[in-house]
Each structure stands twice: as structure tokens, then as C-alpha cells.
Amino acid sequence: MPPLVRGMYFEEFEPGLEILTSARTITETDIVNFAGLTGDFNFIHTDAVAAQESPFGQRVAHGMLIASIATGLSVQQGFIDGTTLAFRELTWKFTKPVHIGDTVHVRIKVTATKAMKKLGGGVVDFDARVYNQKDELVHKGEWRMLIKSRPEEA
């Protein structure tokens, strides 16, 4: 049985389409688990006392943790679930720190599409922006994904 497809097919993406994800609160457990997974135990993420002396004044979430959560929130929204063939490219900027207790969501906008029939779909470029609970931009970047084409009718 083929996998369940909830996502949009390449042909359904048009430049200008905007999608808003649900929100998620960043916890200390998220940061500890990410540090364990990656081996990044930098004090600004894991040492509450030392982080007080940093420019941030407290612990901050790993930038790549927030980037990863942003992609997860996007999959949960459903529009790329089951139709993404490959996450091909990422450019990312960390504009503000994300702290324990911050709640983030993602605003995504399709900026371009390009058919790639030999690969079974097409490339979709997304502008992705992560905002905190104060609606402050904390991360931004571009995603390039290969999205499956709609199956041809038999």
C-alpha cells in the first residue's frame, strides 16, 4: 500500500501562496535533547549560570534546533507531508535569540516553482520566517524542496 499523502503536489504550488503553521513552545527539554543528539553543549545553551554573563543574559535555543522545529511545524501543517521528495537547499539567518519558554510559529510563502519532470516533480522555493509569541522575527531563510507531481490518471 502506498504511503498516505496529505501534502500538496507540485502543480498545486503557485508563487504568492502563503501558509501559516501552528505554534510550539520551546522547552528546556528540547534544548537538552538537541544538545545530546548533536553534541553541541555550548554553555549558552546548557549552562544557566554562565549564560547569564553572555550577551543574551540567559540560555538560548540552538539555532539549528529552531530551524529543525520550523520544518517540523511545516510538515505537521500537512502541505508537504507525503509529497516532499527531497529537501534540496537551505539558507538561514538567526535574527534574534529564542529562549526557553518562547513560542514560535512559521509563515511560509512560495516564491518560485520549476518543473523537473525527470525527477518526478518540481522544485518549489519557499521564503520561511519564524516568529515568536511577540510576533518578532527570530529566524528567516529560504527552503528549496523537490515536490512530487500529481500522479497521472490511468
C-alpha atoms as a PDB file:
ATOM      1  CA  MET A   1       0.000   0.000   0.000  1.00  0.00           C
ATOM      2  CA  PRO A   2       1.483   3.431  -0.918  1.00  0.00           C
ATOM      3  CA  PRO A   3       2.085   5.933   1.902  1.00  0.00           C
ATOM      4  CA  LEU A   4      -0.728   8.285   2.871  1.00  0.00           C
ATOM      5  CA  VAL A   5      -0.402  11.614   1.052  1.00  0.00           C
ATOM      6  CA  ARG A   6      -1.698  14.735   2.800  1.00  0.00           C
ATOM      7  CA  GLY A   7       0.595  17.167   1.051  1.00  0.00           C
ATOM      8  CA  MET A   8       0.143  19.303  -1.989  1.00  0.00           C
ATOM      9  CA  TYR A   9       1.515  18.185  -5.320  1.00  0.00           C
ATOM     10  CA  PHE A  10       3.977  20.319  -7.273  1.00  0.00           C
ATOM     11  CA  GLU A  11       1.251  21.505  -9.651  1.00  0.00           C
ATOM     12  CA  GLU A  12      -0.717  22.986  -6.741  1.00  0.00           C
ATOM     13  CA  PHE A  13       2.048  25.387  -5.655  1.00  0.00           C
ATOM     14  CA  GLU A  14       1.919  28.901  -7.100  1.00  0.00           C
ATOM     15  CA  PRO A  15       4.175  31.855  -6.278  1.00  0.00           C
ATOM     16  CA  GLY A  16       2.476  34.025  -3.673  1.00  0.00           C
ATOM     17  CA  LEU A  17       0.796  31.141  -1.824  1.00  0.00           C
ATOM     18  CA  GLU A  18       1.142  31.756   1.931  1.00  0.00           C
ATOM     19  CA  ILE A  19       0.883  29.206   4.714  1.00  0.00           C
ATOM     20  CA  LEU A  20       0.873  29.742   8.487  1.00  0.00           C
ATOM     21  CA  THR A  21       1.833  26.896  10.812  1.00  0.00           C
ATOM     22  CA  SER A  22       0.632  26.139  14.295  1.00  0.00           C
ATOM     23  CA  ALA A  23       2.791  27.275  17.221  1.00  0.00           C
ATOM     24  CA  ARG A  24       5.118  25.401  19.576  1.00  0.00           C
ATOM     25  CA  THR A  25       6.714  26.395  22.880  1.00  0.00           C
ATOM     26  CA  ILE A  26      10.461  25.777  23.218  1.00  0.00           C
ATOM     27  CA  THR A  27      11.314  23.887  26.403  1.00  0.00           C
ATOM     28  CA  GLU A  28      14.443  23.149  28.368  1.00  0.00           C
ATOM     29  CA  THR A  29      13.934  19.504  27.429  1.00  0.00           C
ATOM     30  CA  ASP A  30      14.081  20.440  23.731  1.00  0.00           C
ATOM     31  CA  ILE A  31      17.451  22.123  24.262  1.00  0.00           C
ATOM     32  CA  VAL A  32      18.895  19.317  26.397  1.00  0.00           C
ATOM     33  CA  ASN A  33      17.753  16.659  23.922  1.00  0.00           C
ATOM     34  CA  PHE A  34      19.160  18.611  20.961  1.00  0.00           C
ATOM     35  CA  ALA A  35      22.500  19.076  22.765  1.00  0.00           C
ATOM     36  CA  GLY A  36      22.632  15.327  23.411  1.00  0.00           C
ATOM     37  CA  LEU A  37      21.750  14.477  19.831  1.00  0.00           C
ATOM     38  CA  THR A  38      24.250  16.861  18.240  1.00  0.00           C
ATOM     39  CA  GLY A  39      26.976  17.021  20.885  1.00  0.00           C
ATOM     40  CA  ASP A  40      26.653  20.833  20.995  1.00  0.00           C
ATOM     41  CA  PHE A  41      26.875  21.544  24.713  1.00  0.00           C
ATOM     42  CA  ASN A  42      27.975  25.167  24.279  1.00  0.00           C
ATOM     43  CA  PHE A  43      27.420  26.991  27.576  1.00  0.00           C
ATOM     44  CA  ILE A  44      25.000  29.497  26.010  1.00  0.00           C
ATOM     45  CA  HIS A  45      22.590  26.595  25.519  1.00  0.00           C
ATOM     46  CA  THR A  46      23.226  24.411  28.564  1.00  0.00           C
ATOM     47  CA  ASP A  47      24.739  26.405  31.476  1.00  0.00           C
ATOM     48  CA  ALA A  48      22.154  28.683  33.093  1.00  0.00           C
ATOM     49  CA  VAL A  49      24.685  30.429  35.352  1.00  0.00           C
ATOM     50  CA  ALA A  50      27.350  31.074  32.694  1.00  0.00           C
ATOM     51  CA  ALA A  51      24.734  32.103  30.130  1.00  0.00           C
ATOM     52  CA  GLN A  52      23.666  34.956  32.445  1.00  0.00           C
ATOM     53  CA  GLU A  53      27.050  36.551  31.686  1.00  0.00           C
ATOM     54  CA  SER A  54      26.598  36.184  27.902  1.00  0.00           C
ATOM     55  CA  PRO A  55      25.209  38.960  25.683  1.00  0.00           C
ATOM     56  CA  PHE A  56      21.875  37.089  25.771  1.00  0.00           C
ATOM     57  CA  GLY A  57      21.580  37.170  29.582  1.00  0.00           C
ATOM     58  CA  GLN A  58      20.154  33.647  29.680  1.00  0.00           C
ATOM     59  CA  ARG A  59      20.269  30.339  27.824  1.00  0.00           C
ATOM     60  CA  VAL A  60      19.229  30.375  24.177  1.00  0.00           C
ATOM     61  CA  ALA A  61      17.976  27.589  21.959  1.00  0.00           C
ATOM     62  CA  HIS A  62      20.371  26.230  19.356  1.00  0.00           C
ATOM     63  CA  GLY A  63      19.777  27.970  16.037  1.00  0.00           C
ATOM     64  CA  MET A  64      19.620  24.665  14.213  1.00  0.00           C
ATOM     65  CA  LEU A  65      17.071  23.402  16.754  1.00  0.00           C
ATOM     66  CA  ILE A  66      14.730  26.225  15.793  1.00  0.00           C
ATOM     67  CA  ALA A  67      15.390  25.650  12.078  1.00  0.00           C
ATOM     68  CA  SER A  68      14.534  21.973  12.601  1.00  0.00           C
ATOM     69  CA  ILE A  69      11.381  22.789  14.552  1.00  0.00           C
ATOM     70  CA  ALA A  70      10.337  25.146  11.740  1.00  0.00           C
ATOM     71  CA  THR A  71      10.498  22.309   9.218  1.00  0.00           C
ATOM     72  CA  GLY A  72       8.626  20.031  11.620  1.00  0.00           C
ATOM     73  CA  LEU A  73       5.847  22.569  12.089  1.00  0.00           C
ATOM     74  CA  SER A  74       5.594  22.779   8.305  1.00  0.00           C
ATOM     75  CA  VAL A  75       5.242  19.012   7.925  1.00  0.00           C
ATOM     76  CA  GLN A  76       2.599  18.979  10.675  1.00  0.00           C
ATOM     77  CA  GLN A  77       0.638  21.633   8.775  1.00  0.00           C
ATOM     78  CA  GLY A  78       0.250  18.985   6.054  1.00  0.00           C
ATOM     79  CA  PHE A  79       1.123  20.861   2.861  1.00  0.00           C
ATOM     80  CA  ILE A  80       4.431  18.981   2.310  1.00  0.00           C
ATOM     81  CA  ASP A  81       3.549  15.757   4.134  1.00  0.00           C
ATOM     82  CA  GLY A  82       3.950  12.774   1.825  1.00  0.00           C
ATOM     83  CA  THR A  83       4.790  14.791  -1.299  1.00  0.00           C
ATOM     84  CA  THR A  84       8.280  16.051  -0.492  1.00  0.00           C
ATOM     85  CA  LEU A  85      10.811  14.013  -2.456  1.00  0.00           C
ATOM     86  CA  ALA A  86      13.865  15.921  -1.158  1.00  0.00           C
ATOM     87  CA  PHE A  87      14.777  18.951   0.920  1.00  0.00           C
ATOM     88  CA  ARG A  88      17.423  20.230  -1.513  1.00  0.00           C
ATOM     89  CA  GLU A  89      18.703  23.509  -0.141  1.00  0.00           C
ATOM     90  CA  LEU A  90      18.553  25.786   2.882  1.00  0.00           C
ATOM     91  CA  THR A  91      19.798  29.294   3.582  1.00  0.00           C
ATOM     92  CA  TRP A  92      19.103  30.542   7.080  1.00  0.00           C
ATOM     93  CA  LYS A  93      19.673  33.605   9.231  1.00  0.00           C
ATOM     94  CA  PHE A  94      19.336  33.767  13.001  1.00  0.00           C
ATOM     95  CA  THR A  95      17.974  37.288  13.593  1.00  0.00           C
ATOM     96  CA  LYS A  96      17.061  37.127  17.311  1.00  0.00           C
ATOM     97  CA  PRO A  97      17.648  34.603  20.080  1.00  0.00           C
ATOM     98  CA  VAL A  98      14.961  32.124  21.049  1.00  0.00           C
ATOM     99  CA  HIS A  99      14.745  31.450  24.779  1.00  0.00           C
ATOM    100  CA  ILE A 100      13.241  28.688  26.874  1.00  0.00           C
ATOM    101  CA  GLY A 101       9.521  29.418  27.084  1.00  0.00           C
ATOM    102  CA  ASP A 102       9.290  31.253  23.751  1.00  0.00           C
ATOM    103  CA  THR A 103       6.522  30.065  21.452  1.00  0.00           C
ATOM    104  CA  VAL A 104       7.333  30.019  17.738  1.00  0.00           C
ATOM    105  CA  HIS A 105       5.355  29.655  14.523  1.00  0.00           C
ATOM    106  CA  VAL A 106       6.310  29.840  10.859  1.00  0.00           C
ATOM    107  CA  ARG A 107       4.992  31.926   7.979  1.00  0.00           C
ATOM    108  CA  ILE A 108       5.845  30.393   4.627  1.00  0.00           C
ATOM    109  CA  LYS A 109       5.449  31.921   1.185  1.00  0.00           C
ATOM    110  CA  VAL A 110       6.035  30.232  -2.169  1.00  0.00           C
ATOM    111  CA  THR A 111       8.448  32.418  -4.149  1.00  0.00           C
ATOM    112  CA  ALA A 112       9.144  30.291  -7.257  1.00  0.00           C
ATOM    113  CA  THR A 113       8.476  26.936  -8.904  1.00  0.00           C
ATOM    114  CA  LYS A 114      10.350  25.000 -11.570  1.00  0.00           C
ATOM    115  CA  ALA A 115       9.183  21.750 -13.156  1.00  0.00           C
ATOM    116  CA  MET A 116      11.681  18.867 -13.018  1.00  0.00           C
ATOM    117  CA  LYS A 117       9.735  16.120 -14.805  1.00  0.00           C
ATOM    118  CA  LYS A 118      12.726  13.738 -14.962  1.00  0.00           C
ATOM    119  CA  LEU A 119      12.843  13.839 -11.159  1.00  0.00           C
ATOM    120  CA  GLY A 120       9.124  13.165 -10.806  1.00  0.00           C
ATOM    121  CA  GLY A 121       8.008  16.629  -9.793  1.00  0.00           C
ATOM    122  CA  GLY A 122       9.372  20.104  -9.460  1.00  0.00           C
ATOM    123  CA  VAL A 123      11.358  22.439  -7.259  1.00  0.00           C
ATOM    124  CA  VAL A 124       9.437  24.807  -5.019  1.00  0.00           C
ATOM    125  CA  ASP A 125      11.214  27.746  -3.371  1.00  0.00           C
ATOM    126  CA  PHE A 126       9.828  28.936  -0.054  1.00  0.00           C
ATOM    127  CA  ASP A 127      10.502  32.055   1.995  1.00  0.00           C
ATOM    128  CA  ALA A 128      10.260  30.832   5.595  1.00  0.00           C
ATOM    129  CA  ARG A 129      10.060  33.170   8.567  1.00  0.00           C
ATOM    130  CA  VAL A 130       9.913  32.129  12.224  1.00  0.00           C
ATOM    131  CA  TYR A 131       8.199  34.455  14.697  1.00  0.00           C
ATOM    132  CA  ASN A 132       7.981  34.333  18.478  1.00  0.00           C
ATOM    133  CA  GLN A 133       4.955  34.961  20.698  1.00  0.00           C
ATOM    134  CA  LYS A 134       5.532  38.749  20.428  1.00  0.00           C
ATOM    135  CA  ASP A 135       5.370  38.443  16.619  1.00  0.00           C
ATOM    136  CA  GLU A 136       9.078  39.312  16.423  1.00  0.00           C
ATOM    137  CA  LEU A 137      11.025  37.802  13.537  1.00  0.00           C
ATOM    138  CA  VAL A 138      13.591  35.433  15.095  1.00  0.00           C
ATOM    139  CA  HIS A 139      14.769  33.383  12.082  1.00  0.00           C
ATOM    140  CA  LYS A 140      14.356  33.668   8.341  1.00  0.00           C
ATOM    141  CA  GLY A 141      15.539  31.896   5.262  1.00  0.00           C
ATOM    142  CA  GLU A 142      14.832  30.119   2.052  1.00  0.00           C
ATOM    143  CA  TRP A 143      13.965  26.483   1.524  1.00  0.00           C
ATOM    144  CA  ARG A 144      14.187  24.680  -1.793  1.00  0.00           C
ATOM    145  CA  MET A 145      12.277  21.400  -1.955  1.00  0.00           C
ATOM    146  CA  LEU A 146      11.646  18.835  -4.655  1.00  0.00           C
ATOM    147  CA  ILE A 147       7.909  18.142  -4.559  1.00  0.00           C
ATOM    148  CA  LYS A 148       6.215  15.154  -6.195  1.00  0.00           C
ATOM    149  CA  SER A 149       3.999  15.699  -9.243  1.00  0.00           C
ATOM    150  CA  ARG A 150       0.372  14.672  -9.185  1.00  0.00           C
ATOM    151  CA  PRO A 151       0.044  11.048 -10.355  1.00  0.00           C
ATOM    152  CA  GLU A 152      -1.213  10.734 -13.887  1.00  0.00           C
ATOM    153  CA  GLU A 153      -4.674   9.284 -14.238  1.00  0.00           C
ATOM    154  CA  ALA A 154      -4.669   5.763 -15.679  1.00  0.00           C
END
